[in-house]
Amino acid sequence: MGPQYPARGFSLVELMVAMVIGLILMAGVVQVFLANHVAYREAQRFGQLQETMAFAVDYLARDIRGAEHVSHANGELAVVRDRTIDWCGAPPGVHTVTYFIQGDALRCRHGSQHNHELLRGFRPGSGLMVQPLPDAQDTLAVRWGWCFKAVVLKGCPHGITISNSMSP
């Protein structure tokens, strides 16, 4: 028999243990990456939703401020205004445009014509509540509660609650 040399390197067991530890660490890194990716997508989605909502609220506020007459009934807000552009099926000129929530969207229409979707994401059962302010004759306050659907946030059964109060 020849001379025996001491074993060099790693044994098979040591190599397998090192691989298992490496795989566990990699699984943790992948989980952190996926969680950050989901959070980024949600932040992007809510940013876009906020932008859309800001447009709708801003336009509603401007429409009400320039109105010649505003009336409300059954969760609908009717705004009579002299418009210079086509809006919600109403041609330019003095016309009534009605805003309402149907299904999961804020919509508007002119007369009995088909309605136009302005903003999606409402919880079913949402509605516009319009209340005159108690201390002013011609001032109108529009109050609404919105619940936007989301999977990762708490609040409403389907997402977060956003409430707003607007006075022209």
N, C-alpha and C. Protein backbone atom coordinates (compact mmCIF):
# COMPACT_ATOMS: atom_id res chain seq x y z
N MET A 1 0.82 -1.17 0.00
CA MET A 1 0.00 0.00 0.00
C MET A 1 0.87 1.24 0.00
N GLY A 2 0.40 2.27 -0.76
CA GLY A 2 1.17 3.49 -0.85
C GLY A 2 0.90 4.41 0.34
N PRO A 3 1.62 5.47 0.34
CA PRO A 3 1.44 6.42 1.44
C PRO A 3 0.05 7.06 1.40
N GLN A 4 -0.54 7.29 2.56
CA GLN A 4 -1.87 7.92 2.64
C GLN A 4 -1.70 9.42 2.82
N TYR A 5 -2.43 10.12 1.99
CA TYR A 5 -2.41 11.58 2.08
C TYR A 5 -3.66 12.05 2.82
N PRO A 6 -3.56 13.11 3.59
CA PRO A 6 -4.76 13.62 4.27
C PRO A 6 -5.76 14.13 3.22
N ALA A 7 -7.04 13.96 3.50
CA ALA A 7 -8.10 14.40 2.58
C ALA A 7 -8.10 15.92 2.47
N ARG A 8 -8.24 16.41 1.24
CA ARG A 8 -8.29 17.85 1.01
C ARG A 8 -9.65 18.23 0.43
N GLY A 9 -10.08 19.48 0.67
CA GLY A 9 -11.35 19.96 0.13
C GLY A 9 -12.51 19.67 1.07
N PHE A 10 -13.69 19.75 0.48
CA PHE A 10 -14.90 19.55 1.27
C PHE A 10 -15.43 18.15 1.04
N SER A 11 -16.06 17.63 2.05
CA SER A 11 -16.71 16.33 1.88
C SER A 11 -18.06 16.57 1.20
N LEU A 12 -18.68 15.55 0.73
CA LEU A 12 -19.97 15.65 0.06
C LEU A 12 -21.03 16.21 1.01
N VAL A 13 -21.00 15.80 2.26
CA VAL A 13 -21.98 16.27 3.24
C VAL A 13 -21.80 17.77 3.49
N GLU A 14 -20.56 18.21 3.64
CA GLU A 14 -20.30 19.64 3.86
C GLU A 14 -20.76 20.47 2.65
N LEU A 15 -20.52 19.96 1.47
CA LEU A 15 -20.93 20.66 0.26
C LEU A 15 -22.45 20.77 0.17
N MET A 16 -23.16 19.70 0.50
CA MET A 16 -24.63 19.71 0.45
C MET A 16 -25.21 20.65 1.51
N VAL A 17 -24.62 20.67 2.71
CA VAL A 17 -25.09 21.58 3.76
C VAL A 17 -24.89 23.03 3.31
N ALA A 18 -23.75 23.33 2.70
CA ALA A 18 -23.49 24.69 2.21
C ALA A 18 -24.48 25.07 1.11
N MET A 19 -24.82 24.14 0.23
CA MET A 19 -25.78 24.42 -0.83
C MET A 19 -27.18 24.68 -0.26
N VAL A 20 -27.58 23.92 0.75
CA VAL A 20 -28.90 24.12 1.37
C VAL A 20 -28.96 25.50 2.02
N ILE A 21 -27.90 25.88 2.73
CA ILE A 21 -27.86 27.20 3.36
C ILE A 21 -27.92 28.30 2.29
N GLY A 22 -27.20 28.12 1.20
CA GLY A 22 -27.22 29.08 0.10
C GLY A 22 -28.61 29.20 -0.52
N LEU A 23 -29.29 28.06 -0.69
CA LEU A 23 -30.64 28.09 -1.26
C LEU A 23 -31.62 28.80 -0.34
N ILE A 24 -31.48 28.59 0.96
CA ILE A 24 -32.36 29.28 1.92
C ILE A 24 -32.14 30.79 1.84
N LEU A 25 -30.88 31.20 1.77
CA LEU A 25 -30.58 32.63 1.65
C LEU A 25 -31.12 33.20 0.34
N MET A 26 -30.98 32.46 -0.75
CA MET A 26 -31.50 32.92 -2.04
C MET A 26 -33.02 33.04 -2.02
N ALA A 27 -33.69 32.08 -1.35
CA ALA A 27 -35.15 32.15 -1.24
C ALA A 27 -35.56 33.41 -0.49
N GLY A 28 -34.83 33.77 0.55
CA GLY A 28 -35.11 35.00 1.29
C GLY A 28 -34.93 36.23 0.43
N VAL A 29 -33.86 36.26 -0.35
CA VAL A 29 -33.60 37.40 -1.23
C VAL A 29 -34.70 37.52 -2.28
N VAL A 30 -35.12 36.40 -2.85
CA VAL A 30 -36.18 36.42 -3.85
C VAL A 30 -37.49 36.91 -3.23
N GLN A 31 -37.80 36.48 -2.01
CA GLN A 31 -39.02 36.94 -1.34
C GLN A 31 -39.00 38.45 -1.11
N VAL A 32 -37.87 38.97 -0.69
CA VAL A 32 -37.75 40.42 -0.47
C VAL A 32 -37.92 41.16 -1.80
N PHE A 33 -37.32 40.65 -2.86
CA PHE A 33 -37.45 41.27 -4.17
C PHE A 33 -38.91 41.28 -4.63
N LEU A 34 -39.59 40.15 -4.49
CA LEU A 34 -40.99 40.07 -4.92
C LEU A 34 -41.88 40.99 -4.09
N ALA A 35 -41.64 41.06 -2.79
CA ALA A 35 -42.43 41.95 -1.94
C ALA A 35 -42.22 43.41 -2.34
N ASN A 36 -40.99 43.78 -2.63
CA ASN A 36 -40.71 45.15 -3.07
C ASN A 36 -41.34 45.43 -4.43
N HIS A 37 -41.34 44.45 -5.30
CA HIS A 37 -41.94 44.62 -6.62
C HIS A 37 -43.45 44.83 -6.50
N VAL A 38 -44.11 44.05 -5.65
CA VAL A 38 -45.55 44.21 -5.45
C VAL A 38 -45.85 45.58 -4.84
N ALA A 39 -45.06 45.99 -3.85
CA ALA A 39 -45.26 47.31 -3.23
C ALA A 39 -45.06 48.43 -4.26
N TYR A 40 -44.09 48.28 -5.13
CA TYR A 40 -43.84 49.28 -6.17
C TYR A 40 -45.04 49.37 -7.12
N ARG A 41 -45.55 48.22 -7.55
CA ARG A 41 -46.71 48.21 -8.45
C ARG A 41 -47.93 48.85 -7.79
N GLU A 42 -48.16 48.54 -6.51
CA GLU A 42 -49.29 49.14 -5.79
C GLU A 42 -49.12 50.65 -5.69
N ALA A 43 -47.90 51.10 -5.40
CA ALA A 43 -47.64 52.54 -5.30
C ALA A 43 -47.88 53.21 -6.65
N GLN A 44 -47.46 52.58 -7.73
CA GLN A 44 -47.70 53.12 -9.07
C GLN A 44 -49.19 53.19 -9.36
N ARG A 45 -49.91 52.13 -9.01
CA ARG A 45 -51.34 52.08 -9.27
C ARG A 45 -52.08 53.15 -8.48
N PHE A 46 -51.73 53.31 -7.21
CA PHE A 46 -52.39 54.33 -6.40
C PHE A 46 -52.00 55.73 -6.83
N GLY A 47 -50.79 55.90 -7.33
CA GLY A 47 -50.39 57.20 -7.87
C GLY A 47 -51.22 57.57 -9.08
N GLN A 48 -51.43 56.60 -9.96
CA GLN A 48 -52.25 56.84 -11.14
C GLN A 48 -53.70 57.09 -10.75
N LEU A 49 -54.19 56.34 -9.77
CA LEU A 49 -55.56 56.53 -9.28
C LEU A 49 -55.71 57.92 -8.67
N GLN A 50 -54.73 58.35 -7.91
CA GLN A 50 -54.77 59.67 -7.30
C GLN A 50 -54.78 60.76 -8.37
N GLU A 51 -54.01 60.57 -9.41
CA GLU A 51 -53.98 61.54 -10.51
C GLU A 51 -55.34 61.62 -11.20
N THR A 52 -55.94 60.48 -11.47
CA THR A 52 -57.25 60.45 -12.11
C THR A 52 -58.30 61.08 -11.21
N MET A 53 -58.23 60.74 -9.92
CA MET A 53 -59.19 61.28 -8.96
C MET A 53 -59.05 62.79 -8.84
N ALA A 54 -57.81 63.28 -8.84
CA ALA A 54 -57.58 64.72 -8.75
C ALA A 54 -58.19 65.43 -9.96
N PHE A 55 -58.06 64.82 -11.14
CA PHE A 55 -58.67 65.41 -12.34
C PHE A 55 -60.18 65.48 -12.19
N ALA A 56 -60.80 64.37 -11.77
CA ALA A 56 -62.26 64.33 -11.66
C ALA A 56 -62.76 65.33 -10.62
N VAL A 57 -62.10 65.38 -9.47
CA VAL A 57 -62.52 66.31 -8.41
C VAL A 57 -62.32 67.75 -8.86
N ASP A 58 -61.20 68.03 -9.51
CA ASP A 58 -60.92 69.38 -9.99
C ASP A 58 -61.96 69.80 -11.02
N TYR A 59 -62.28 68.91 -11.94
CA TYR A 59 -63.25 69.27 -12.96
C TYR A 59 -64.63 69.47 -12.36
N LEU A 60 -65.03 68.59 -11.43
CA LEU A 60 -66.32 68.76 -10.77
C LEU A 60 -66.37 70.10 -10.04
N ALA A 61 -65.30 70.44 -9.33
CA ALA A 61 -65.27 71.70 -8.59
C ALA A 61 -65.39 72.89 -9.55
N ARG A 62 -64.66 72.86 -10.65
CA ARG A 62 -64.74 73.96 -11.62
C ARG A 62 -66.11 74.02 -12.27
N ASP A 63 -66.69 72.86 -12.56
CA ASP A 63 -68.01 72.83 -13.17
C ASP A 63 -69.05 73.43 -12.23
N ILE A 64 -68.96 73.09 -10.95
CA ILE A 64 -69.92 73.61 -9.97
C ILE A 64 -69.70 75.10 -9.74
N ARG A 65 -68.44 75.53 -9.67
CA ARG A 65 -68.16 76.96 -9.46
C ARG A 65 -68.70 77.84 -10.59
N GLY A 66 -68.65 77.33 -11.81
CA GLY A 66 -69.12 78.12 -12.94
C GLY A 66 -70.58 77.88 -13.28
N ALA A 67 -71.29 77.17 -12.42
CA ALA A 67 -72.66 76.78 -12.73
C ALA A 67 -73.63 77.95 -12.59
N GLU A 68 -74.63 77.94 -13.44
CA GLU A 68 -75.73 78.89 -13.32
C GLU A 68 -76.78 78.35 -12.36
N HIS A 69 -76.88 77.03 -12.31
CA HIS A 69 -77.85 76.39 -11.41
C HIS A 69 -77.34 74.98 -11.09
N VAL A 70 -77.51 74.58 -9.83
CA VAL A 70 -77.13 73.23 -9.40
C VAL A 70 -78.31 72.65 -8.65
N SER A 71 -78.68 71.43 -9.00
CA SER A 71 -79.75 70.75 -8.26
C SER A 71 -79.30 69.32 -7.98
N HIS A 72 -79.96 68.71 -7.01
CA HIS A 72 -79.59 67.35 -6.64
C HIS A 72 -80.84 66.57 -6.25
N ALA A 73 -80.83 65.30 -6.61
CA ALA A 73 -81.93 64.39 -6.25
C ALA A 73 -81.48 62.97 -6.50
N ASN A 74 -81.83 62.09 -5.60
CA ASN A 74 -81.57 60.65 -5.75
C ASN A 74 -80.11 60.33 -6.04
N GLY A 75 -79.20 61.00 -5.37
CA GLY A 75 -77.78 60.71 -5.55
C GLY A 75 -77.19 61.21 -6.85
N GLU A 76 -77.91 62.11 -7.53
CA GLU A 76 -77.41 62.69 -8.77
C GLU A 76 -77.24 64.19 -8.60
N LEU A 77 -76.23 64.73 -9.23
CA LEU A 77 -75.94 66.16 -9.17
C LEU A 77 -76.09 66.72 -10.58
N ALA A 78 -77.07 67.62 -10.77
CA ALA A 78 -77.32 68.23 -12.08
C ALA A 78 -76.73 69.63 -12.08
N VAL A 79 -75.85 69.91 -13.05
CA VAL A 79 -75.17 71.20 -13.15
C VAL A 79 -75.53 71.85 -14.48
N VAL A 80 -76.15 73.04 -14.40
CA VAL A 80 -76.47 73.82 -15.60
C VAL A 80 -75.36 74.86 -15.75
N ARG A 81 -74.71 74.84 -16.91
CA ARG A 81 -73.57 75.73 -17.11
C ARG A 81 -73.39 76.03 -18.59
N ASP A 82 -72.84 77.20 -18.87
CA ASP A 82 -72.48 77.58 -20.24
C ASP A 82 -71.07 77.04 -20.50
N ARG A 83 -70.98 75.98 -21.29
CA ARG A 83 -69.68 75.35 -21.56
C ARG A 83 -69.21 75.72 -22.97
N THR A 84 -67.90 75.78 -23.12
CA THR A 84 -67.33 76.12 -24.43
C THR A 84 -66.88 74.88 -25.20
N ILE A 85 -66.96 73.71 -24.57
CA ILE A 85 -66.53 72.46 -25.22
C ILE A 85 -67.63 71.41 -25.07
N ASP A 86 -67.55 70.36 -25.89
CA ASP A 86 -68.43 69.21 -25.69
C ASP A 86 -68.03 68.54 -24.39
N TRP A 87 -69.00 68.25 -23.54
CA TRP A 87 -68.70 67.57 -22.28
C TRP A 87 -69.85 66.65 -21.93
N CYS A 88 -69.55 65.39 -21.75
CA CYS A 88 -70.53 64.37 -21.35
C CYS A 88 -71.71 64.31 -22.30
N GLY A 89 -71.47 64.52 -23.56
CA GLY A 89 -72.54 64.45 -24.55
C GLY A 89 -73.27 65.76 -24.76
N ALA A 90 -72.96 66.79 -23.97
CA ALA A 90 -73.61 68.10 -24.13
C ALA A 90 -72.77 68.95 -25.08
N PRO A 91 -73.41 69.52 -26.10
CA PRO A 91 -72.67 70.39 -27.02
C PRO A 91 -72.33 71.71 -26.32
N PRO A 92 -71.46 72.52 -26.92
CA PRO A 92 -71.16 73.83 -26.33
C PRO A 92 -72.43 74.66 -26.16
N GLY A 93 -72.47 75.46 -25.11
CA GLY A 93 -73.64 76.28 -24.81
C GLY A 93 -74.16 75.97 -23.42
N VAL A 94 -75.35 76.51 -23.10
CA VAL A 94 -75.94 76.30 -21.78
C VAL A 94 -76.72 74.99 -21.80
N HIS A 95 -76.23 74.02 -21.05
CA HIS A 95 -76.87 72.70 -20.98
C HIS A 95 -76.70 72.13 -19.58
N THR A 96 -77.53 71.13 -19.29
CA THR A 96 -77.46 70.44 -18.00
C THR A 96 -76.65 69.16 -18.17
N VAL A 97 -75.67 68.98 -17.29
CA VAL A 97 -74.91 67.73 -17.22
C VAL A 97 -75.16 67.13 -15.84
N THR A 98 -75.48 65.85 -15.81
CA THR A 98 -75.78 65.17 -14.55
C THR A 98 -74.63 64.25 -14.18
N TYR A 99 -74.16 64.36 -12.94
CA TYR A 99 -73.10 63.50 -12.41
C TYR A 99 -73.73 62.50 -11.46
N PHE A 100 -73.29 61.25 -11.53
CA PHE A 100 -73.84 60.21 -10.65
C PHE A 100 -72.86 59.05 -10.58
N ILE A 101 -73.09 58.17 -9.61
CA ILE A 101 -72.27 56.96 -9.48
C ILE A 101 -73.14 55.78 -9.86
N GLN A 102 -72.64 54.99 -10.80
CA GLN A 102 -73.35 53.80 -11.25
C GLN A 102 -72.37 52.64 -11.25
N GLY A 103 -72.73 51.57 -10.57
CA GLY A 103 -71.81 50.43 -10.47
C GLY A 103 -70.58 50.84 -9.68
N ASP A 104 -69.43 50.76 -10.31
CA ASP A 104 -68.19 51.13 -9.62
C ASP A 104 -67.53 52.36 -10.24
N ALA A 105 -68.33 53.23 -10.90
CA ALA A 105 -67.74 54.37 -11.61
C ALA A 105 -68.53 55.65 -11.40
N LEU A 106 -67.81 56.77 -11.37
CA LEU A 106 -68.42 58.10 -11.41
C LEU A 106 -68.69 58.39 -12.88
N ARG A 107 -69.92 58.77 -13.18
CA ARG A 107 -70.32 58.97 -14.57
C ARG A 107 -71.01 60.33 -14.73
N CYS A 108 -71.13 60.77 -15.97
CA CYS A 108 -71.88 61.98 -16.27
C CYS A 108 -72.67 61.74 -17.56
N ARG A 109 -73.76 62.51 -17.71
CA ARG A 109 -74.58 62.39 -18.92
C ARG A 109 -75.28 63.71 -19.19
N HIS A 110 -75.72 63.86 -20.42
CA HIS A 110 -76.51 65.01 -20.82
C HIS A 110 -77.87 64.49 -21.23
N GLY A 111 -78.91 64.90 -20.52
CA GLY A 111 -80.25 64.44 -20.82
C GLY A 111 -80.36 62.93 -20.67
N SER A 112 -80.96 62.30 -21.67
CA SER A 112 -81.11 60.84 -21.60
C SER A 112 -80.06 60.12 -22.45
N GLN A 113 -79.09 60.89 -22.96
CA GLN A 113 -78.04 60.27 -23.78
C GLN A 113 -77.20 59.34 -22.92
N HIS A 114 -76.46 58.46 -23.59
CA HIS A 114 -75.62 57.51 -22.87
C HIS A 114 -74.65 58.24 -21.96
N ASN A 115 -74.24 57.56 -20.91
CA ASN A 115 -73.38 58.23 -19.93
C ASN A 115 -71.91 57.96 -20.21
N HIS A 116 -71.07 58.84 -19.69
CA HIS A 116 -69.63 58.77 -19.88
C HIS A 116 -68.98 58.45 -18.54
N GLU A 117 -68.04 57.53 -18.56
CA GLU A 117 -67.33 57.15 -17.34
C GLU A 117 -66.20 58.14 -17.08
N LEU A 118 -66.17 58.71 -15.86
CA LEU A 118 -65.12 59.65 -15.50
C LEU A 118 -64.06 59.00 -14.62
N LEU A 119 -64.49 58.15 -13.69
CA LEU A 119 -63.56 57.58 -12.72
C LEU A 119 -64.07 56.23 -12.25
N ARG A 120 -63.21 55.20 -12.27
CA ARG A 120 -63.57 53.85 -11.82
C ARG A 120 -62.98 53.57 -10.45
N GLY A 121 -63.49 52.52 -9.80
CA GLY A 121 -62.90 52.04 -8.57
C GLY A 121 -63.76 52.25 -7.34
N PHE A 122 -65.02 52.61 -7.52
CA PHE A 122 -65.89 52.79 -6.37
C PHE A 122 -66.40 51.45 -5.86
N ARG A 123 -66.64 51.40 -4.58
CA ARG A 123 -67.24 50.20 -3.99
C ARG A 123 -68.71 50.20 -4.39
N PRO A 124 -69.27 49.04 -4.73
CA PRO A 124 -70.70 48.98 -5.05
C PRO A 124 -71.52 49.56 -3.89
N GLY A 125 -72.50 50.36 -4.22
CA GLY A 125 -73.31 51.01 -3.19
C GLY A 125 -72.86 52.43 -2.88
N SER A 126 -71.76 52.89 -3.50
CA SER A 126 -71.30 54.26 -3.29
C SER A 126 -72.28 55.21 -3.95
N GLY A 127 -72.29 56.45 -3.50
CA GLY A 127 -73.18 57.43 -4.10
C GLY A 127 -72.73 58.84 -3.80
N LEU A 128 -73.26 59.80 -4.55
CA LEU A 128 -73.00 61.21 -4.30
C LEU A 128 -74.03 61.72 -3.31
N MET A 129 -73.58 62.38 -2.25
CA MET A 129 -74.49 63.02 -1.31
C MET A 129 -74.27 64.52 -1.44
N VAL A 130 -75.30 65.25 -1.75
CA VAL A 130 -75.19 66.69 -1.93
C VAL A 130 -76.02 67.36 -0.85
N GLN A 131 -75.39 68.28 -0.10
CA GLN A 131 -76.09 68.97 0.98
C GLN A 131 -75.79 70.46 0.92
N PRO A 132 -76.82 71.31 0.93
CA PRO A 132 -76.56 72.74 1.01
C PRO A 132 -75.94 73.08 2.37
N LEU A 133 -75.06 74.06 2.39
CA LEU A 133 -74.48 74.49 3.66
C LEU A 133 -75.55 75.22 4.47
N PRO A 134 -75.57 75.03 5.80
CA PRO A 134 -76.64 75.62 6.60
C PRO A 134 -76.58 77.14 6.70
N ASP A 135 -75.41 77.76 6.57
CA ASP A 135 -75.31 79.19 6.80
C ASP A 135 -75.25 80.02 5.52
N ALA A 136 -75.41 79.42 4.38
CA ALA A 136 -75.32 80.18 3.13
C ALA A 136 -76.51 79.85 2.24
N GLN A 137 -76.98 80.86 1.54
CA GLN A 137 -78.15 80.69 0.70
C GLN A 137 -77.81 79.95 -0.60
N ASP A 138 -76.82 80.45 -1.35
CA ASP A 138 -76.54 79.92 -2.68
C ASP A 138 -75.32 79.02 -2.73
N THR A 139 -74.69 78.80 -1.61
CA THR A 139 -73.49 77.98 -1.62
C THR A 139 -73.89 76.52 -1.48
N LEU A 140 -73.16 75.67 -2.16
CA LEU A 140 -73.47 74.24 -2.14
C LEU A 140 -72.23 73.47 -1.75
N ALA A 141 -72.39 72.52 -0.88
CA ALA A 141 -71.27 71.65 -0.52
C ALA A 141 -71.55 70.27 -1.08
N VAL A 142 -70.57 69.70 -1.72
CA VAL A 142 -70.72 68.35 -2.24
C VAL A 142 -69.85 67.45 -1.39
N ARG A 143 -70.45 66.47 -0.78
CA ARG A 143 -69.71 65.55 0.07
C ARG A 143 -69.84 64.15 -0.52
N TRP A 144 -68.73 63.44 -0.53
CA TRP A 144 -68.79 62.09 -1.05
C TRP A 144 -67.82 61.22 -0.30
N GLY A 145 -68.14 59.95 -0.25
CA GLY A 145 -67.24 58.97 0.34
C GLY A 145 -66.88 57.95 -0.73
N TRP A 146 -65.61 57.75 -0.92
CA TRP A 146 -65.15 56.82 -1.95
C TRP A 146 -64.39 55.69 -1.29
N CYS A 147 -64.59 54.51 -1.78
CA CYS A 147 -63.84 53.35 -1.31
C CYS A 147 -63.23 52.68 -2.52
N PHE A 148 -61.92 52.74 -2.64
CA PHE A 148 -61.25 52.16 -3.79
C PHE A 148 -60.78 50.75 -3.48
N LYS A 149 -60.93 49.86 -4.44
CA LYS A 149 -60.55 48.47 -4.25
C LYS A 149 -59.04 48.31 -4.22
N ALA A 150 -58.57 47.55 -3.26
CA ALA A 150 -57.14 47.24 -3.17
C ALA A 150 -57.01 45.92 -2.43
N VAL A 151 -55.93 45.23 -2.67
CA VAL A 151 -55.78 43.92 -2.05
C VAL A 151 -54.90 43.97 -0.82
N VAL A 152 -53.99 44.92 -0.75
CA VAL A 152 -52.99 44.86 0.30
C VAL A 152 -53.23 45.84 1.43
N LEU A 153 -54.17 46.76 1.29
CA LEU A 153 -54.37 47.77 2.31
C LEU A 153 -55.62 47.48 3.13
N LYS A 154 -55.64 48.01 4.35
CA LYS A 154 -56.79 47.80 5.22
C LYS A 154 -57.69 49.02 5.18
N GLY A 155 -58.91 48.86 5.60
CA GLY A 155 -59.86 49.98 5.63
C GLY A 155 -61.23 49.45 5.30
N CYS A 156 -61.68 49.70 4.08
CA CYS A 156 -62.94 49.15 3.61
C CYS A 156 -62.76 47.65 3.42
N PRO A 157 -63.86 46.92 3.28
CA PRO A 157 -63.72 45.49 3.01
C PRO A 157 -62.91 45.22 1.75
N HIS A 158 -62.87 46.18 0.83
CA HIS A 158 -62.15 45.97 -0.43
C HIS A 158 -60.97 46.91 -0.60
N GLY A 159 -60.60 47.70 0.39
CA GLY A 159 -59.48 48.61 0.19
C GLY A 159 -59.44 49.75 1.17
N ILE A 160 -59.04 50.93 0.71
CA ILE A 160 -58.91 52.08 1.59
C ILE A 160 -60.10 53.01 1.41
N THR A 161 -60.36 53.82 2.38
CA THR A 161 -61.45 54.78 2.30
C THR A 161 -60.86 56.16 2.08
N ILE A 162 -61.40 56.87 1.12
CA ILE A 162 -60.98 58.24 0.86
C ILE A 162 -62.24 59.09 0.97
N SER A 163 -62.24 60.05 1.87
CA SER A 163 -63.38 60.95 2.02
C SER A 163 -62.94 62.35 1.68
N ASN A 164 -63.87 63.14 1.17
CA ASN A 164 -63.53 64.50 0.80
C ASN A 164 -64.75 65.37 1.01
N SER A 165 -64.51 66.62 1.24
CA SER A 165 -65.56 67.60 1.36
C SER A 165 -65.15 68.80 0.53
N MET A 166 -66.03 69.27 -0.33
CA MET A 166 -65.64 70.32 -1.26
C MET A 166 -66.67 71.44 -1.19
N SER A 167 -66.22 72.66 -1.05
CA SER A 167 -67.09 73.83 -1.10
C SER A 167 -66.60 74.75 -2.20
N PRO A 168 -67.42 75.13 -3.14
CA PRO A 168 -66.97 76.03 -4.20
C PRO A 168 -66.73 77.43 -3.66
